[in-house]
Amino acid sequence: MICLNADYYDENDLVNLGIKKVGSNVRVSKNCTIVGLDNIEIGSHVRIDANCVLTATNFELPMVLGDYIHIGSNCTILGNAGFTMKDFSGLSHGVRIFTSSDDFSGEYLFGPTVPKNLRHATSSPIVLEKYVLIGTNTVILPGAILNEGVAVGASSVVNKELKPWTIYFGVNPKAIGERKRNLEYLAQELKMK
C-alpha cells in the first residue's frame, strides 16, 4: 500500500499569495484552481481538498467562507455573482455550485467568449447558512436558498429555497425528513474549548 500525503497551503502561504482575508488553521490543497484570490475571505478551521475550482472575480460580490468549513475534493464553486458559506457547513466530493447560468432557450448565444450583449445569463448570489451539508455530486443553481441546517442528499439538483433543518433529496428536491438541531449545541461546545 502506498500512501501519499497531499500538500496544502496554510494561512501564511495564502497571505503571501494575496488572499483578501484568512483565519487560522486553514488548509487549501495546492492543486486547487483559484481565480480571484484577492476577493476571497476564509475563516478559521477550514480545509479545501484536492482539485477544487473556486472563482470570485466580481469584486462587488466576494466569496466568503466561514469557520469550521470543509470543501471535499473535486468541488466547483463558480461564485462570480457572490457566494457565502457560513460556519459549520460542508460540501461533499464533487459538488457543483453555479451563481450564474447561460440561457438555454436558444434565443441568445452563450459562453464566455461571446460578448455580453448577445448573451442572457441568470445570476444570483448563493448563501449556504450555518450547518448546511451538501451530498456528493449535487448541483446548486442560481437562485437556490439553503437555509440553516439544510442537508441535501447525493446527486440532487437544487434551484429553489429549502426550509431550515430539513433533509432533501432528488433532482427537484423533496423533503424526506427533519434534521436534529444537536449541531448547534455541539458547535457551541467546540467554540468553548
Protein backbone atom coordinates (compact mmCIF):
# COMPACT_ATOMS: atom_id res chain seq x y z
CA MET A 1 0.00 0.00 0.00
CA ILE A 2 1.33 3.40 -0.95
CA CYS A 3 0.13 6.47 0.92
CA LEU A 4 0.91 9.91 -0.41
CA ASN A 5 0.41 12.99 1.70
CA ALA A 6 -1.47 15.79 -0.02
CA ASP A 7 0.35 19.09 0.02
CA TYR A 8 -1.64 22.05 1.36
CA TYR A 9 -1.18 25.79 1.56
CA ASP A 10 -1.63 27.14 5.08
CA GLU A 11 -2.86 30.58 6.12
CA ASN A 12 0.65 32.09 5.86
CA ASP A 13 1.05 30.81 2.29
CA LEU A 14 -2.39 32.19 1.38
CA VAL A 15 -1.49 35.63 2.76
CA ASN A 16 1.70 35.62 0.68
CA LEU A 17 -0.32 34.63 -2.42
CA GLY A 18 -2.63 37.62 -1.91
CA ILE A 19 -5.83 36.31 -0.33
CA LYS A 20 -8.15 39.06 0.88
CA LYS A 21 -8.61 37.64 4.40
CA VAL A 22 -7.78 34.37 6.16
CA GLY A 23 -8.13 32.99 9.69
CA SER A 24 -6.09 30.32 11.45
CA ASN A 25 -5.80 26.57 10.92
CA VAL A 26 -6.60 26.80 7.20
CA ARG A 27 -5.51 24.20 4.64
CA VAL A 28 -6.06 24.56 0.88
CA SER A 29 -4.78 21.85 -1.43
CA LYS A 30 -2.00 23.10 -3.67
CA ASN A 31 -3.62 21.59 -6.75
CA CYS A 32 -6.81 23.68 -6.48
CA THR A 33 -7.57 26.31 -9.11
CA ILE A 34 -8.48 29.62 -7.50
CA VAL A 35 -9.38 32.68 -9.56
CA GLY A 36 -9.86 35.97 -7.71
CA LEU A 37 -7.87 35.10 -4.60
CA ASP A 38 -7.93 38.78 -3.61
CA ASN A 39 -11.75 38.59 -3.49
CA ILE A 40 -11.95 35.56 -1.18
CA GLU A 41 -12.29 35.59 2.60
CA ILE A 42 -11.69 32.39 4.57
CA GLY A 43 -12.42 31.99 8.28
CA SER A 44 -10.67 29.65 10.71
CA HIS A 45 -10.57 25.84 10.78
CA VAL A 46 -11.17 25.43 7.04
CA ARG A 47 -9.99 22.68 4.70
CA ILE A 48 -10.36 22.69 0.92
CA ASP A 49 -9.30 19.41 -0.64
CA ALA A 50 -7.72 18.43 -3.96
CA ASN A 51 -8.80 19.51 -7.43
CA CYS A 52 -11.35 22.13 -6.38
CA VAL A 53 -12.12 25.15 -8.57
CA LEU A 54 -13.14 28.43 -6.93
CA THR A 55 -13.82 31.62 -8.89
CA ALA A 56 -14.64 35.00 -7.37
CA THR A 57 -13.81 37.73 -9.87
CA ASN A 58 -16.68 40.17 -9.15
CA PHE A 59 -15.13 42.50 -6.60
CA GLU A 60 -18.53 43.84 -5.54
CA LEU A 61 -19.64 40.30 -4.61
CA PRO A 62 -16.94 38.38 -2.71
CA MET A 63 -16.66 34.72 -1.83
CA VAL A 64 -16.86 34.35 1.96
CA LEU A 65 -16.16 31.05 3.72
CA GLY A 66 -16.89 30.95 7.47
CA ASP A 67 -15.37 28.91 10.29
CA TYR A 68 -15.22 25.11 10.51
CA ILE A 69 -15.84 24.62 6.78
CA HIS A 70 -14.89 21.59 4.71
CA ILE A 71 -14.96 21.52 0.90
CA GLY A 72 -14.35 17.99 -0.38
CA SER A 73 -12.23 17.15 -3.40
CA ASN A 74 -13.31 17.94 -6.96
CA CYS A 75 -15.84 20.62 -5.97
CA THR A 76 -16.52 23.62 -8.19
CA ILE A 77 -17.78 26.95 -6.88
CA LEU A 78 -18.33 29.47 -9.67
CA GLY A 79 -19.10 32.37 -7.38
CA ASN A 80 -18.90 35.43 -9.61
CA ALA A 81 -22.39 36.55 -8.54
CA GLY A 82 -21.40 36.20 -4.87
CA PHE A 83 -21.07 33.12 -2.68
CA THR A 84 -21.21 32.74 1.10
CA MET A 85 -20.75 29.53 3.07
CA LYS A 86 -21.43 30.07 6.77
CA ASP A 87 -19.97 28.29 9.80
CA PHE A 88 -20.06 24.50 10.23
CA SER A 89 -21.10 23.81 6.63
CA GLY A 90 -19.68 21.24 4.26
CA LEU A 91 -19.55 20.18 0.63
CA SER A 92 -19.01 16.51 -0.16
CA HIS A 93 -16.90 15.30 -3.08
CA GLY A 94 -17.85 16.67 -6.50
CA VAL A 95 -20.42 19.32 -5.53
CA ARG A 96 -21.02 21.98 -8.20
CA ILE A 97 -22.26 25.47 -7.28
CA PHE A 98 -23.15 27.95 -10.03
CA THR A 99 -24.11 31.54 -9.22
CA SER A 100 -24.59 32.23 -12.95
CA SER A 101 -26.01 30.19 -15.80
CA ASP A 102 -26.44 30.83 -19.51
CA ASP A 103 -29.90 30.92 -21.14
CA PHE A 104 -30.70 27.53 -22.70
CA SER A 105 -33.77 28.68 -24.68
CA GLY A 106 -31.91 29.29 -27.95
CA GLU A 107 -32.79 32.99 -28.01
CA TYR A 108 -29.25 34.01 -27.06
CA LEU A 109 -25.69 32.95 -27.65
CA PHE A 110 -23.78 31.54 -24.71
CA GLY A 111 -20.35 31.11 -23.24
CA PRO A 112 -17.61 33.42 -22.01
CA THR A 113 -16.19 34.06 -25.49
CA VAL A 114 -19.42 35.74 -26.69
CA PRO A 115 -19.95 39.48 -25.96
CA LYS A 116 -22.36 40.10 -23.05
CA ASN A 117 -24.86 41.97 -25.22
CA LEU A 118 -25.50 38.74 -27.18
CA ARG A 119 -25.89 36.58 -24.06
CA HIS A 120 -28.54 36.37 -21.37
CA ALA A 121 -27.22 34.89 -18.15
CA THR A 122 -29.19 34.29 -14.97
CA SER A 123 -27.12 35.38 -11.97
CA SER A 124 -27.91 35.28 -8.28
CA PRO A 125 -25.75 35.07 -5.16
CA ILE A 126 -25.89 31.81 -3.24
CA VAL A 127 -25.70 31.56 0.54
CA LEU A 128 -25.28 28.35 2.49
CA GLU A 129 -26.42 29.19 6.01
CA LYS A 130 -24.91 27.58 9.13
CA TYR A 131 -24.87 23.79 9.45
CA VAL A 132 -25.67 23.12 5.77
CA LEU A 133 -24.42 19.79 4.41
CA ILE A 134 -24.43 19.05 0.67
CA GLY A 135 -24.07 15.45 -0.55
CA THR A 136 -21.69 14.27 -3.25
CA ASN A 137 -22.26 15.29 -6.88
CA THR A 138 -25.09 17.69 -6.02
CA VAL A 139 -25.60 20.74 -8.24
CA ILE A 140 -26.71 24.08 -6.77
CA LEU A 141 -28.09 26.57 -9.33
CA PRO A 142 -28.54 30.37 -9.26
CA GLY A 143 -31.42 31.45 -7.04
CA ALA A 144 -31.17 28.50 -4.65
CA ILE A 145 -31.58 29.40 -0.98
CA LEU A 146 -30.21 26.91 1.55
CA ASN A 147 -31.47 27.90 4.98
CA GLU A 148 -29.86 26.99 8.31
CA GLY A 149 -29.44 23.28 8.97
CA VAL A 150 -30.42 22.05 5.50
CA ALA A 151 -28.99 18.71 4.35
CA VAL A 152 -29.13 17.73 0.67
CA GLY A 153 -28.63 14.11 -0.40
CA ALA A 154 -26.19 12.96 -3.08
CA SER A 155 -26.77 13.78 -6.76
CA SER A 156 -29.56 16.28 -6.09
CA VAL A 157 -30.21 19.42 -8.14
CA VAL A 158 -31.22 22.49 -6.11
CA ASN A 159 -32.80 25.57 -7.73
CA LYS A 160 -35.24 26.74 -5.06
CA GLU A 161 -35.48 27.71 -1.39
CA LEU A 162 -35.09 24.85 1.08
CA LYS A 163 -36.71 25.01 4.54
CA PRO A 164 -34.46 25.17 7.63
CA TRP A 165 -33.45 21.97 9.42
CA THR A 166 -34.87 19.73 6.69
CA ILE A 167 -33.28 16.87 4.74
CA TYR A 168 -33.81 16.95 0.97
CA PHE A 169 -33.10 14.61 -1.89
CA GLY A 170 -33.69 14.50 -5.65
CA VAL A 171 -33.50 16.37 -8.93
CA ASN A 172 -36.43 18.53 -7.83
CA PRO A 173 -35.55 18.20 -4.14
CA LYS A 174 -38.26 16.79 -1.91
CA ALA A 175 -38.20 16.99 1.88
CA ILE A 176 -37.56 13.50 3.24
CA GLY A 177 -37.11 14.25 6.95
CA GLU A 178 -36.15 16.68 9.64
CA ARG A 179 -32.63 17.22 10.93
CA LYS A 180 -31.78 17.23 14.62
CA ARG A 181 -30.54 20.51 16.00
CA ASN A 182 -27.80 18.93 18.17
CA LEU A 183 -25.34 20.59 15.79
CA GLU A 184 -25.97 23.96 17.42
CA TYR A 185 -25.06 22.66 20.89
CA LEU A 186 -22.03 20.73 19.64
CA ALA A 187 -20.78 23.84 17.80
CA GLN A 188 -21.09 25.91 20.98
CA GLU A 189 -19.19 23.25 22.89
CA LEU A 190 -16.42 23.22 20.29
CA LYS A 191 -16.07 27.01 20.34
CA MET A 192 -15.74 26.97 24.14
CA LYS A 193 -12.70 24.65 24.01
